[in-house]
């Protein structure tokens, strides 16, 4: 069984290629059967909203599709402080997305055998 993977995306539509790469890695790992936890921080938190940005990036899978793949069998978490800075509450997020803070992130990344990738 693959080891758990935590992917943290810290940029959004301001850096579409970088953010899409992180989302693609999370979705691909999920599709491969890995236990995936996707964390969205900074401008990336807006991807977790129904009307979030949809960067037009040539040859890239749409952001919403990638988030859906991860939500299907993994978890998607929005940084609590990042959400608060943007006045986002749980009601503003896509169904299945949670809000959590640094303590939850640290707990996840310190689990044995967990691989962490930050974009």
PDB file of N, CA and C in Angstrom:
ATOM      1  N   UNK A   1       0.850  -1.191   0.000  1.00  0.00           N
ATOM      2  CA  UNK A   1       0.000   0.000   0.000  1.00  0.00           C
ATOM      3  C   UNK A   1       0.889   1.246   0.000  1.00  0.00           C
ATOM      4  N   UNK A   2       0.547   2.228  -0.831  1.00  0.00           N
ATOM      5  CA  UNK A   2       1.354   3.453  -0.864  1.00  0.00           C
ATOM      6  C   UNK A   2       1.289   4.184   0.473  1.00  0.00           C
ATOM      7  N   UNK A   3       2.357   4.876   0.787  1.00  0.00           N
ATOM      8  CA  UNK A   3       2.351   5.644   2.036  1.00  0.00           C
ATOM      9  C   UNK A   3       1.484   6.888   1.871  1.00  0.00           C
ATOM     10  N   UNK A   4       0.995   7.452   2.978  1.00  0.00           N
ATOM     11  CA  UNK A   4       0.141   8.640   2.898  1.00  0.00           C
ATOM     12  C   UNK A   4       0.883   9.816   2.256  1.00  0.00           C
ATOM     13  N   UNK A   5       0.139  10.609   1.490  1.00  0.00           N
ATOM     14  CA  UNK A   5       0.699  11.778   0.819  1.00  0.00           C
ATOM     15  C   UNK A   5      -0.085  13.017   1.229  1.00  0.00           C
ATOM     16  N   UNK A   6       0.635  14.019   1.699  1.00  0.00           N
ATOM     17  CA  UNK A   6       0.044  15.323   1.987  1.00  0.00           C
ATOM     18  C   UNK A   6       0.606  16.298   0.958  1.00  0.00           C
ATOM     19  N   UNK A   7      -0.294  16.937   0.208  1.00  0.00           N
ATOM     20  CA  UNK A   7       0.099  17.932  -0.788  1.00  0.00           C
ATOM     21  C   UNK A   7      -0.438  19.278  -0.325  1.00  0.00           C
ATOM     22  N   UNK A   8       0.443  20.257  -0.210  1.00  0.00           N
ATOM     23  CA  UNK A   8       0.020  21.601   0.188  1.00  0.00           C
ATOM     24  C   UNK A   8       0.255  22.543  -0.990  1.00  0.00           C
ATOM     25  N   UNK A   9      -0.816  23.186  -1.423  1.00  0.00           N
ATOM     26  CA  UNK A   9      -0.741  24.150  -2.518  1.00  0.00           C
ATOM     27  C   UNK A   9      -0.897  25.538  -1.905  1.00  0.00           C
ATOM     28  N   UNK A  10       0.118  26.378  -2.090  1.00  0.00           N
ATOM     29  CA  UNK A  10       0.148  27.685  -1.436  1.00  0.00           C
ATOM     30  C   UNK A  10      -0.080  28.853  -2.390  1.00  0.00           C
ATOM     31  N   UNK A  11      -0.296  28.541  -3.665  1.00  0.00           N
ATOM     32  CA  UNK A  11      -0.552  29.589  -4.659  1.00  0.00           C
ATOM     33  C   UNK A  11      -1.823  29.244  -5.419  1.00  0.00           C
ATOM     34  N   UNK A  12      -2.437  30.259  -6.003  1.00  0.00           N
ATOM     35  CA  UNK A  12      -3.688  30.030  -6.722  1.00  0.00           C
ATOM     36  C   UNK A  12      -3.591  30.490  -8.158  1.00  0.00           C
ATOM     37  N   UNK A  13      -4.623  31.173  -8.596  1.00  0.00           N
ATOM     38  CA  UNK A  13      -4.697  31.639  -9.979  1.00  0.00           C
ATOM     39  C   UNK A  13      -3.587  32.635 -10.302  1.00  0.00           C
ATOM     40  N   UNK A  14      -2.947  33.187  -9.266  1.00  0.00           N
ATOM     41  CA  UNK A  14      -1.823  34.097  -9.481  1.00  0.00           C
ATOM     42  C   UNK A  14      -0.608  33.363 -10.056  1.00  0.00           C
ATOM     43  N   UNK A  15      -0.540  32.053  -9.821  1.00  0.00           N
ATOM     44  CA  UNK A  15       0.523  31.204 -10.371  1.00  0.00           C
ATOM     45  C   UNK A  15      -0.116  29.903 -10.859  1.00  0.00           C
ATOM     46  N   UNK A  16      -0.862  29.967 -11.951  1.00  0.00           N
ATOM     47  CA  UNK A  16      -1.682  28.834 -12.374  1.00  0.00           C
ATOM     48  C   UNK A  16      -0.909  27.557 -12.685  1.00  0.00           C
ATOM     49  N   UNK A  17       0.260  27.680 -13.262  1.00  0.00           N
ATOM     50  CA  UNK A  17       1.003  26.466 -13.615  1.00  0.00           C
ATOM     51  C   UNK A  17       1.477  25.739 -12.363  1.00  0.00           C
ATOM     52  N   UNK A  18       1.992  26.479 -11.416  1.00  0.00           N
ATOM     53  CA  UNK A  18       2.470  25.876 -10.168  1.00  0.00           C
ATOM     54  C   UNK A  18       1.322  25.268  -9.369  1.00  0.00           C
ATOM     55  N   UNK A  19       0.224  25.996  -9.248  1.00  0.00           N
ATOM     56  CA  UNK A  19      -0.899  25.465  -8.473  1.00  0.00           C
ATOM     57  C   UNK A  19      -1.510  24.253  -9.158  1.00  0.00           C
ATOM     58  N   UNK A  20      -1.614  24.290 -10.491  1.00  0.00           N
ATOM     59  CA  UNK A  20      -2.175  23.150 -11.208  1.00  0.00           C
ATOM     60  C   UNK A  20      -1.299  21.917 -11.039  1.00  0.00           C
ATOM     61  N   UNK A  21       0.007  22.106 -10.983  1.00  0.00           N
ATOM     62  CA  UNK A  21       0.912  20.973 -10.792  1.00  0.00           C
ATOM     63  C   UNK A  21       0.637  20.287  -9.454  1.00  0.00           C
ATOM     64  N   UNK A  22       0.477  21.070  -8.399  1.00  0.00           N
ATOM     65  CA  UNK A  22       0.174  20.491  -7.093  1.00  0.00           C
ATOM     66  C   UNK A  22      -1.155  19.760  -7.075  1.00  0.00           C
ATOM     67  N   UNK A  23      -2.168  20.365  -7.685  1.00  0.00           N
ATOM     68  CA  UNK A  23      -3.485  19.731  -7.746  1.00  0.00           C
ATOM     69  C   UNK A  23      -3.436  18.459  -8.580  1.00  0.00           C
ATOM     70  N   UNK A  24      -2.677  18.481  -9.665  1.00  0.00           N
ATOM     71  CA  UNK A  24      -2.550  17.306 -10.527  1.00  0.00           C
ATOM     72  C   UNK A  24      -1.854  16.161  -9.792  1.00  0.00           C
ATOM     73  N   UNK A  25      -0.816  16.467  -9.037  1.00  0.00           N
ATOM     74  CA  UNK A  25      -0.122  15.435  -8.261  1.00  0.00           C
ATOM     75  C   UNK A  25      -1.078  14.815  -7.244  1.00  0.00           C
ATOM     76  N   UNK A  26      -1.842  15.643  -6.546  1.00  0.00           N
ATOM     77  CA  UNK A  26      -2.794  15.128  -5.556  1.00  0.00           C
ATOM     78  C   UNK A  26      -3.846  14.244  -6.216  1.00  0.00           C
ATOM     79  N   UNK A  27      -4.397  14.690  -7.332  1.00  0.00           N
ATOM     80  CA  UNK A  27      -5.432  13.915  -8.027  1.00  0.00           C
ATOM     81  C   UNK A  27      -4.867  12.614  -8.587  1.00  0.00           C
ATOM     82  N   UNK A  28      -3.670  12.665  -9.145  1.00  0.00           N
ATOM     83  CA  UNK A  28      -3.057  11.462  -9.707  1.00  0.00           C
ATOM     84  C   UNK A  28      -2.761  10.447  -8.615  1.00  0.00           C
ATOM     85  N   UNK A  29      -2.246  10.913  -7.491  1.00  0.00           N
ATOM     86  CA  UNK A  29      -1.968  10.006  -6.376  1.00  0.00           C
ATOM     87  C   UNK A  29      -3.256   9.386  -5.845  1.00  0.00           C
ATOM     88  N   UNK A  30      -4.316  10.182  -5.763  1.00  0.00           N
ATOM     89  CA  UNK A  30      -5.611   9.665  -5.320  1.00  0.00           C
ATOM     90  C   UNK A  30      -6.094   8.583  -6.273  1.00  0.00           C
ATOM     91  N   UNK A  31      -6.000   8.848  -7.559  1.00  0.00           N
ATOM     92  CA  UNK A  31      -6.437   7.877  -8.569  1.00  0.00           C
ATOM     93  C   UNK A  31      -5.596   6.606  -8.539  1.00  0.00           C
ATOM     94  N   UNK A  32      -4.372   6.724  -8.035  1.00  0.00           N
ATOM     95  CA  UNK A  32      -3.477   5.566  -7.946  1.00  0.00           C
ATOM     96  C   UNK A  32      -3.698   4.760  -6.675  1.00  0.00           C
ATOM     97  N   UNK A  33      -4.629   5.207  -5.842  1.00  0.00           N
ATOM     98  CA  UNK A  33      -4.948   4.473  -4.627  1.00  0.00           C
ATOM     99  C   UNK A  33      -4.241   4.954  -3.379  1.00  0.00           C
ATOM    100  N   UNK A  34      -3.484   6.030  -3.480  1.00  0.00           N
ATOM    101  CA  UNK A  34      -2.795   6.563  -2.306  1.00  0.00           C
ATOM    102  C   UNK A  34      -3.783   7.273  -1.386  1.00  0.00           C
ATOM    103  N   UNK A  35      -3.448   7.298  -0.118  1.00  0.00           N
ATOM    104  CA  UNK A  35      -4.208   8.079   0.864  1.00  0.00           C
ATOM    105  C   UNK A  35      -3.715   9.518   0.742  1.00  0.00           C
ATOM    106  N   UNK A  36      -4.569  10.405   0.227  1.00  0.00           N
ATOM    107  CA  UNK A  36      -4.143  11.773  -0.080  1.00  0.00           C
ATOM    108  C   UNK A  36      -4.901  12.791   0.760  1.00  0.00           C
ATOM    109  N   UNK A  37      -4.139  13.733   1.287  1.00  0.00           N
ATOM    110  CA  UNK A  37      -4.695  14.884   1.980  1.00  0.00           C
ATOM    111  C   UNK A  37      -4.179  16.125   1.264  1.00  0.00           C
ATOM    112  N   UNK A  38      -5.089  16.878   0.666  1.00  0.00           N
ATOM    113  CA  UNK A  38      -4.739  18.098  -0.054  1.00  0.00           C
ATOM    114  C   UNK A  38      -5.049  19.297   0.835  1.00  0.00           C
ATOM    115  N   UNK A  39      -4.036  20.117   1.074  1.00  0.00           N
ATOM    116  CA  UNK A  39      -4.198  21.339   1.850  1.00  0.00           C
ATOM    117  C   UNK A  39      -4.080  22.538   0.923  1.00  0.00           C
ATOM    118  N   UNK A  40      -5.026  23.465   1.035  1.00  0.00           N
ATOM    119  CA  UNK A  40      -5.020  24.686   0.234  1.00  0.00           C
ATOM    120  C   UNK A  40      -4.746  25.871   1.154  1.00  0.00           C
ATOM    121  N   UNK A  41      -3.730  26.649   0.806  1.00  0.00           N
ATOM    122  CA  UNK A  41      -3.353  27.812   1.608  1.00  0.00           C
ATOM    123  C   UNK A  41      -3.184  29.015   0.684  1.00  0.00           C
ATOM    124  N   UNK A  42      -3.118  30.194   1.276  1.00  0.00           N
ATOM    125  CA  UNK A  42      -2.959  31.405   0.472  1.00  0.00           C
ATOM    126  C   UNK A  42      -4.095  31.541  -0.529  1.00  0.00           C
ATOM    127  N   UNK A  43      -3.762  32.018  -1.714  1.00  0.00           N
ATOM    128  CA  UNK A  43      -4.784  32.214  -2.752  1.00  0.00           C
ATOM    129  C   UNK A  43      -5.419  30.902  -3.210  1.00  0.00           C
ATOM    130  N   UNK A  44      -4.773  29.783  -2.944  1.00  0.00           N
ATOM    131  CA  UNK A  44      -5.327  28.483  -3.349  1.00  0.00           C
ATOM    132  C   UNK A  44      -6.635  28.162  -2.635  1.00  0.00           C
ATOM    133  N   UNK A  45      -6.897  28.789  -1.488  1.00  0.00           N
ATOM    134  CA  UNK A  45      -8.152  28.498  -0.788  1.00  0.00           C
ATOM    135  C   UNK A  45      -9.363  28.846  -1.653  1.00  0.00           C
ATOM    136  N   UNK A  46      -9.203  29.782  -2.558  1.00  0.00           N
ATOM    137  CA  UNK A  46     -10.327  30.176  -3.416  1.00  0.00           C
ATOM    138  C   UNK A  46     -10.738  29.055  -4.363  1.00  0.00           C
ATOM    139  N   UNK A  47      -9.848  28.112  -4.631  1.00  0.00           N
ATOM    140  CA  UNK A  47     -10.197  26.954  -5.462  1.00  0.00           C
ATOM    141  C   UNK A  47     -11.263  26.082  -4.791  1.00  0.00           C
ATOM    142  N   UNK A  48     -11.398  26.192  -3.491  1.00  0.00           N
ATOM    143  CA  UNK A  48     -12.344  25.360  -2.748  1.00  0.00           C
ATOM    144  C   UNK A  48     -13.718  26.003  -2.622  1.00  0.00           C
ATOM    145  N   UNK A  49     -13.962  27.073  -3.367  1.00  0.00           N
ATOM    146  CA  UNK A  49     -15.266  27.732  -3.350  1.00  0.00           C
ATOM    147  C   UNK A  49     -16.000  27.434  -4.656  1.00  0.00           C
ATOM    148  N   UNK A  50     -17.337  27.394  -4.616  1.00  0.00           N
ATOM    149  CA  UNK A  50     -18.102  27.082  -5.829  1.00  0.00           C
ATOM    150  C   UNK A  50     -17.818  28.019  -7.003  1.00  0.00           C
ATOM    151  N   UNK A  51     -17.554  29.274  -6.731  1.00  0.00           N
ATOM    152  CA  UNK A  51     -17.293  30.240  -7.797  1.00  0.00           C
ATOM    153  C   UNK A  51     -15.824  30.633  -7.849  1.00  0.00           C
ATOM    154  N   UNK A  52     -14.958  29.715  -7.431  1.00  0.00           N
ATOM    155  CA  UNK A  52     -13.527  29.998  -7.383  1.00  0.00           C
ATOM    156  C   UNK A  52     -12.918  30.188  -8.757  1.00  0.00           C
ATOM    157  N   UNK A  53     -11.677  30.630  -8.786  1.00  0.00           N
ATOM    158  CA  UNK A  53     -11.007  30.887 -10.059  1.00  0.00           C
ATOM    159  C   UNK A  53     -10.846  29.617 -10.888  1.00  0.00           C
ATOM    160  N   UNK A  54     -10.902  29.781 -12.176  1.00  0.00           N
ATOM    161  CA  UNK A  54     -10.709  28.664 -13.105  1.00  0.00           C
ATOM    162  C   UNK A  54      -9.681  29.090 -14.148  1.00  0.00           C
ATOM    163  N   UNK A  55      -8.410  29.051 -13.768  1.00  0.00           N
ATOM    164  CA  UNK A  55      -7.372  29.494 -14.705  1.00  0.00           C
ATOM    165  C   UNK A  55      -7.434  28.715 -16.015  1.00  0.00           C
ATOM    166  N   UNK A  56      -7.246  29.425 -17.094  1.00  0.00           N
ATOM    167  CA  UNK A  56      -7.219  28.804 -18.413  1.00  0.00           C
ATOM    168  C   UNK A  56      -5.765  28.468 -18.724  1.00  0.00           C
ATOM    169  N   UNK A  57      -5.387  27.249 -18.410  1.00  0.00           N
ATOM    170  CA  UNK A  57      -4.005  26.817 -18.586  1.00  0.00           C
ATOM    171  C   UNK A  57      -3.975  25.733 -19.649  1.00  0.00           C
ATOM    172  N   UNK A  58      -3.313  26.019 -20.736  1.00  0.00           N
ATOM    173  CA  UNK A  58      -3.268  25.099 -21.867  1.00  0.00           C
ATOM    174  C   UNK A  58      -2.796  23.712 -21.435  1.00  0.00           C
ATOM    175  N   UNK A  59      -3.503  22.695 -21.896  1.00  0.00           N
ATOM    176  CA  UNK A  59      -3.201  21.280 -21.655  1.00  0.00           C
ATOM    177  C   UNK A  59      -3.400  20.840 -20.210  1.00  0.00           C
ATOM    178  N   UNK A  60      -4.028  21.672 -19.389  1.00  0.00           N
ATOM    179  CA  UNK A  60      -4.228  21.338 -17.978  1.00  0.00           C
ATOM    180  C   UNK A  60      -5.660  20.893 -17.718  1.00  0.00           C
ATOM    181  N   UNK A  61      -5.801  19.928 -16.841  1.00  0.00           N
ATOM    182  CA  UNK A  61      -7.124  19.515 -16.384  1.00  0.00           C
ATOM    183  C   UNK A  61      -7.707  20.658 -15.555  1.00  0.00           C
ATOM    184  N   UNK A  62      -8.986  20.981 -15.735  1.00  0.00           N
ATOM    185  CA  UNK A  62      -9.588  22.071 -14.961  1.00  0.00           C
ATOM    186  C   UNK A  62      -9.485  21.846 -13.449  1.00  0.00           C
ATOM    187  N   UNK A  63      -9.269  22.927 -12.733  1.00  0.00           N
ATOM    188  CA  UNK A  63      -9.106  22.886 -11.281  1.00  0.00           C
ATOM    189  C   UNK A  63     -10.255  22.149 -10.605  1.00  0.00           C
ATOM    190  N   UNK A  64     -11.481  22.468 -10.980  1.00  0.00           N
ATOM    191  CA  UNK A  64     -12.645  21.834 -10.352  1.00  0.00           C
ATOM    192  C   UNK A  64     -12.641  20.327 -10.503  1.00  0.00           C
ATOM    193  N   UNK A  65     -12.219  19.846 -11.657  1.00  0.00           N
ATOM    194  CA  UNK A  65     -12.150  18.397 -11.877  1.00  0.00           C
ATOM    195  C   UNK A  65     -11.102  17.759 -10.976  1.00  0.00           C
ATOM    196  N   UNK A  66      -9.970  18.424 -10.807  1.00  0.00           N
ATOM    197  CA  UNK A  66      -8.908  17.882  -9.953  1.00  0.00           C
ATOM    198  C   UNK A  66      -9.344  17.836  -8.491  1.00  0.00           C
ATOM    199  N   UNK A  67      -9.995  18.898  -8.037  1.00  0.00           N
ATOM    200  CA  UNK A  67     -10.504  18.927  -6.655  1.00  0.00           C
ATOM    201  C   UNK A  67     -11.518  17.803  -6.456  1.00  0.00           C
ATOM    202  N   UNK A  68     -12.404  17.605  -7.432  1.00  0.00           N
ATOM    203  CA  UNK A  68     -13.409  16.537  -7.337  1.00  0.00           C
ATOM    204  C   UNK A  68     -12.765  15.167  -7.213  1.00  0.00           C
ATOM    205  N   UNK A  69     -11.702  14.920  -7.961  1.00  0.00           N
ATOM    206  CA  UNK A  69     -11.011  13.629  -7.886  1.00  0.00           C
ATOM    207  C   UNK A  69     -10.479  13.399  -6.475  1.00  0.00           C
ATOM    208  N   UNK A  70      -9.864  14.417  -5.900  1.00  0.00           N
ATOM    209  CA  UNK A  70      -9.322  14.266  -4.548  1.00  0.00           C
ATOM    210  C   UNK A  70     -10.449  14.080  -3.538  1.00  0.00           C
ATOM    211  N   UNK A  71     -11.516  14.862  -3.669  1.00  0.00           N
ATOM    212  CA  UNK A  71     -12.639  14.739  -2.732  1.00  0.00           C
ATOM    213  C   UNK A  71     -13.305  13.367  -2.800  1.00  0.00           C
ATOM    214  N   UNK A  72     -13.218  12.714  -3.946  1.00  0.00           N
ATOM    215  CA  UNK A  72     -13.863  11.418  -4.127  1.00  0.00           C
ATOM    216  C   UNK A  72     -13.348  10.374  -3.140  1.00  0.00           C
ATOM    217  N   UNK A  73     -12.045  10.383  -2.850  1.00  0.00           N
ATOM    218  CA  UNK A  73     -11.538   9.375  -1.914  1.00  0.00           C
ATOM    219  C   UNK A  73     -10.430   9.899  -1.009  1.00  0.00           C
ATOM    220  N   UNK A  74     -10.152  11.188  -1.075  1.00  0.00           N
ATOM    221  CA  UNK A  74      -9.162  11.790  -0.193  1.00  0.00           C
ATOM    222  C   UNK A  74      -9.802  12.916   0.598  1.00  0.00           C
ATOM    223  N   UNK A  75      -8.973  13.778   1.155  1.00  0.00           N
ATOM    224  CA  UNK A  75      -9.498  14.923   1.899  1.00  0.00           C
ATOM    225  C   UNK A  75      -8.931  16.217   1.326  1.00  0.00           C
ATOM    226  N   UNK A  76      -9.749  17.261   1.398  1.00  0.00           N
ATOM    227  CA  UNK A  76      -9.326  18.598   0.992  1.00  0.00           C
ATOM    228  C   UNK A  76      -9.562  19.515   2.186  1.00  0.00           C
ATOM    229  N   UNK A  77      -8.511  20.208   2.585  1.00  0.00           N
ATOM    230  CA  UNK A  77      -8.576  21.081   3.747  1.00  0.00           C
ATOM    231  C   UNK A  77      -8.119  22.476   3.363  1.00  0.00           C
ATOM    232  N   UNK A  78      -8.843  23.467   3.858  1.00  0.00           N
ATOM    233  CA  UNK A  78      -8.492  24.870   3.662  1.00  0.00           C
ATOM    234  C   UNK A  78      -7.868  25.379   4.954  1.00  0.00           C
ATOM    235  N   UNK A  79      -6.761  26.077   4.812  1.00  0.00           N
ATOM    236  CA  UNK A  79      -6.071  26.690   5.946  1.00  0.00           C
ATOM    237  C   UNK A  79      -7.020  27.660   6.665  1.00  0.00           C
ATOM    238  N   UNK A  80      -7.143  27.492   7.980  1.00  0.00           N
ATOM    239  CA  UNK A  80      -8.083  28.304   8.757  1.00  0.00           C
ATOM    240  C   UNK A  80      -7.755  29.797   8.689  1.00  0.00           C
ATOM    241  N   UNK A  81      -6.498  30.155   8.885  1.00  0.00           N
ATOM    242  CA  UNK A  81      -6.130  31.571   8.843  1.00  0.00           C
ATOM    243  C   UNK A  81      -6.327  32.153   7.446  1.00  0.00           C
ATOM    244  N   UNK A  82      -6.005  31.361   6.441  1.00  0.00           N
ATOM    245  CA  UNK A  82      -6.156  31.835   5.055  1.00  0.00           C
ATOM    246  C   UNK A  82      -7.626  32.073   4.723  1.00  0.00           C
ATOM    247  N   UNK A  83      -8.483  31.181   5.199  1.00  0.00           N
ATOM    248  CA  UNK A  83      -9.922  31.347   4.984  1.00  0.00           C
ATOM    249  C   UNK A  83     -10.416  32.598   5.704  1.00  0.00           C
ATOM    250  N   UNK A  84      -9.988  32.775   6.951  1.00  0.00           N
ATOM    251  CA  UNK A  84     -10.422  33.933   7.732  1.00  0.00           C
ATOM    252  C   UNK A  84      -9.976  35.242   7.080  1.00  0.00           C
ATOM    253  N   UNK A  85      -8.771  35.263   6.536  1.00  0.00           N
ATOM    254  CA  UNK A  85      -8.276  36.479   5.873  1.00  0.00           C
ATOM    255  C   UNK A  85      -9.124  36.856   4.666  1.00  0.00           C
ATOM    256  N   UNK A  86      -9.777  35.871   4.097  1.00  0.00           N
ATOM    257  CA  UNK A  86     -10.616  36.103   2.913  1.00  0.00           C
ATOM    258  C   UNK A  86     -12.100  36.078   3.264  1.00  0.00           C
ATOM    259  N   UNK A  87     -12.399  36.116   4.567  1.00  0.00           N
ATOM    260  CA  UNK A  87     -13.774  36.116   5.082  1.00  0.00           C
ATOM    261  C   UNK A  87     -14.559  34.900   4.603  1.00  0.00           C
ATOM    262  N   UNK A  88     -13.887  33.763   4.456  1.00  0.00           N
ATOM    263  CA  UNK A  88     -14.558  32.524   4.053  1.00  0.00           C
ATOM    264  C   UNK A  88     -14.910  31.702   5.284  1.00  0.00           C
ATOM    265  N   UNK A  89     -16.113  31.153   5.277  1.00  0.00           N
ATOM    266  CA  UNK A  89     -16.546  30.244   6.332  1.00  0.00           C
ATOM    267  C   UNK A  89     -16.845  28.888   5.693  1.00  0.00           C
ATOM    268  N   UNK A  90     -17.157  27.918   6.528  1.00  0.00           N
ATOM    269  CA  UNK A  90     -17.478  26.583   6.025  1.00  0.00           C
ATOM    270  C   UNK A  90     -18.601  26.636   4.986  1.00  0.00           C
ATOM    271  N   UNK A  91     -19.567  27.511   5.192  1.00  0.00           N
ATOM    272  CA  UNK A  91     -20.706  27.628   4.269  1.00  0.00           C
ATOM    273  C   UNK A  91     -20.292  28.110   2.876  1.00  0.00           C
ATOM    274  N   UNK A  92     -19.126  28.734   2.769  1.00  0.00           N
ATOM    275  CA  UNK A  92     -18.651  29.254   1.482  1.00  0.00           C
ATOM    276  C   UNK A  92     -17.903  28.214   0.649  1.00  0.00           C
ATOM    277  N   UNK A  93     -17.615  27.066   1.241  1.00  0.00           N
ATOM    278  CA  UNK A  93     -16.756  26.078   0.591  1.00  0.00           C
ATOM    279  C   UNK A  93     -17.547  24.987  -0.108  1.00  0.00           C
ATOM    280  N   UNK A  94     -16.876  24.307  -1.020  1.00  0.00           N
ATOM    281  CA  UNK A  94     -17.468  23.149  -1.689  1.00  0.00           C
ATOM    282  C   UNK A  94     -17.811  22.080  -0.662  1.00  0.00           C
ATOM    283  N   UNK A  95     -18.833  21.313  -0.953  1.00  0.00           N
ATOM    284  CA  UNK A  95     -19.220  20.228  -0.058  1.00  0.00           C
ATOM    285  C   UNK A  95     -18.057  19.248   0.083  1.00  0.00           C
ATOM    286  N   UNK A  96     -17.771  18.886   1.321  1.00  0.00           N
ATOM    287  CA  UNK A  96     -16.707  17.925   1.587  1.00  0.00           C
ATOM    288  C   UNK A  96     -15.377  18.549   1.964  1.00  0.00           C
ATOM    289  N   UNK A  97     -15.221  19.846   1.719  1.00  0.00           N
ATOM    290  CA  UNK A  97     -13.982  20.544   2.076  1.00  0.00           C
ATOM    291  C   UNK A  97     -14.089  20.991   3.526  1.00  0.00           C
ATOM    292  N   UNK A  98     -13.013  20.849   4.270  1.00  0.00           N
ATOM    293  CA  UNK A  98     -13.025  21.267   5.675  1.00  0.00           C
ATOM    294  C   UNK A  98     -12.054  22.418   5.891  1.00  0.00           C
ATOM    295  N   UNK A  99     -12.222  23.104   7.002  1.00  0.00           N
ATOM    296  CA  UNK A  99     -11.305  24.157   7.427  1.00  0.00           C
ATOM    297  C   UNK A  99     -10.571  23.636   8.658  1.00  0.00           C
ATOM    298  N   UNK A 100      -9.255  23.776   8.674  1.00  0.00           N
ATOM    299  CA  UNK A 100      -8.471  23.357   9.836  1.00  0.00           C
ATOM    300  C   UNK A 100      -7.215  24.212   9.917  1.00  0.00           C
ATOM    301  N   UNK A 101      -6.631  24.222  11.098  1.00  0.00           N
ATOM    302  CA  UNK A 101      -5.464  25.059  11.334  1.00  0.00           C
ATOM    303  C   UNK A 101      -4.149  24.301  11.335  1.00  0.00           C
ATOM    304  N   UNK A 102      -3.130  25.010  11.769  1.00  0.00           N
ATOM    305  CA  UNK A 102      -1.769  24.487  11.740  1.00  0.00           C
ATOM    306  C   UNK A 102      -1.609  23.219  12.571  1.00  0.00           C
ATOM    307  N   UNK A 103      -2.307  23.123  13.690  1.00  0.00           N
ATOM    308  CA  UNK A 103      -2.171  21.929  14.530  1.00  0.00           C
ATOM    309  C   UNK A 103      -2.592  20.671  13.772  1.00  0.00           C
ATOM    310  N   UNK A 104      -3.666  20.765  13.006  1.00  0.00           N
ATOM    311  CA  UNK A 104      -4.127  19.611  12.217  1.00  0.00           C
ATOM    312  C   UNK A 104      -3.133  19.282  11.111  1.00  0.00           C
ATOM    313  N   UNK A 105      -2.555  20.305  10.491  1.00  0.00           N
ATOM    314  CA  UNK A 105      -1.556  20.081   9.443  1.00  0.00           C
ATOM    315  C   UNK A 105      -0.333  19.376  10.024  1.00  0.00           C
ATOM    316  N   UNK A 106       0.158  19.871  11.150  1.00  0.00           N
ATOM    317  CA  UNK A 106       1.328  19.267  11.793  1.00  0.00           C
ATOM    318  C   UNK A 106       1.037  17.820  12.184  1.00  0.00           C
ATOM    319  N   UNK A 107      -0.141  17.565  12.707  1.00  0.00           N
ATOM    320  CA  UNK A 107      -0.512  16.197  13.076  1.00  0.00           C
ATOM    321  C   UNK A 107      -0.451  15.273  11.860  1.00  0.00           C
ATOM    322  N   UNK A 108      -0.956  15.737  10.730  1.00  0.00           N
ATOM    323  CA  UNK A 108      -0.938  14.913   9.515  1.00  0.00           C
ATOM    324  C   UNK A 108       0.470  14.662   9.007  1.00  0.00           C
ATOM    325  N   UNK A 109       1.293  15.697   8.965  1.00  0.00           N
ATOM    326  CA  UNK A 109       2.613  15.524   8.355  1.00  0.00           C
ATOM    327  C   UNK A 109       3.588  14.770   9.254  1.00  0.00           C
ATOM    328  N   UNK A 110       3.285  14.665  10.535  1.00  0.00           N
ATOM    329  CA  UNK A 110       4.165  13.929  11.439  1.00  0.00           C
ATOM    330  C   UNK A 110       3.785  12.457  11.590  1.00  0.00           C
ATOM    331  N   UNK A 111       2.731  12.027  10.893  1.00  0.00           N
ATOM    332  CA  UNK A 111       2.387  10.600  10.936  1.00  0.00           C
ATOM    333  C   UNK A 111       3.532   9.794  10.328  1.00  0.00           C
ATOM    334  N   UNK A 112       3.751   8.589  10.844  1.00  0.00           N
ATOM    335  CA  UNK A 112       4.825   7.754  10.296  1.00  0.00           C
ATOM    336  C   UNK A 112       4.639   7.508   8.794  1.00  0.00           C
ATOM    337  N   UNK A 113       5.745   7.543   8.075  1.00  0.00           N
ATOM    338  CA  UNK A 113       5.806   7.214   6.648  1.00  0.00           C
ATOM    339  C   UNK A 113       5.071   8.195   5.735  1.00  0.00           C
ATOM    340  N   UNK A 114       4.651   9.332   6.240  1.00  0.00           N
ATOM    341  CA  UNK A 114       3.936  10.304   5.408  1.00  0.00           C
ATOM    342  C   UNK A 114       4.911  11.081   4.530  1.00  0.00           C
ATOM    343  N   UNK A 115       4.552  11.219   3.273  1.00  0.00           N
ATOM    344  CA  UNK A 115       5.323  12.025   2.322  1.00  0.00           C
ATOM    345  C   UNK A 115       4.615  13.367   2.175  1.00  0.00           C
ATOM    346  N   UNK A 116       5.360  14.454   2.233  1.00  0.00           N
ATOM    347  CA  UNK A 116       4.783  15.793   2.119  1.00  0.00           C
ATOM    348  C   UNK A 116       5.408  16.509   0.921  1.00  0.00           C
ATOM    349  N   UNK A 117       4.544  17.122   0.105  1.00  0.00           N
ATOM    350  CA  UNK A 117       5.001  17.902  -1.039  1.00  0.00           C
ATOM    351  C   UNK A 117       4.307  19.262  -0.973  1.00  0.00           C
ATOM    352  N   UNK A 118       5.077  20.329  -1.118  1.00  0.00           N
ATOM    353  CA  UNK A 118       4.515  21.683  -1.048  1.00  0.00           C
ATOM    354  C   UNK A 118       4.758  22.397  -2.372  1.00  0.00           C
ATOM    355  N   UNK A 119       3.689  22.986  -2.899  1.00  0.00           N
ATOM    356  CA  UNK A 119       3.766  23.781  -4.128  1.00  0.00           C
ATOM    357  C   UNK A 119       3.427  25.217  -3.812  1.00  0.00           C
TER     358      UNK A 119
END
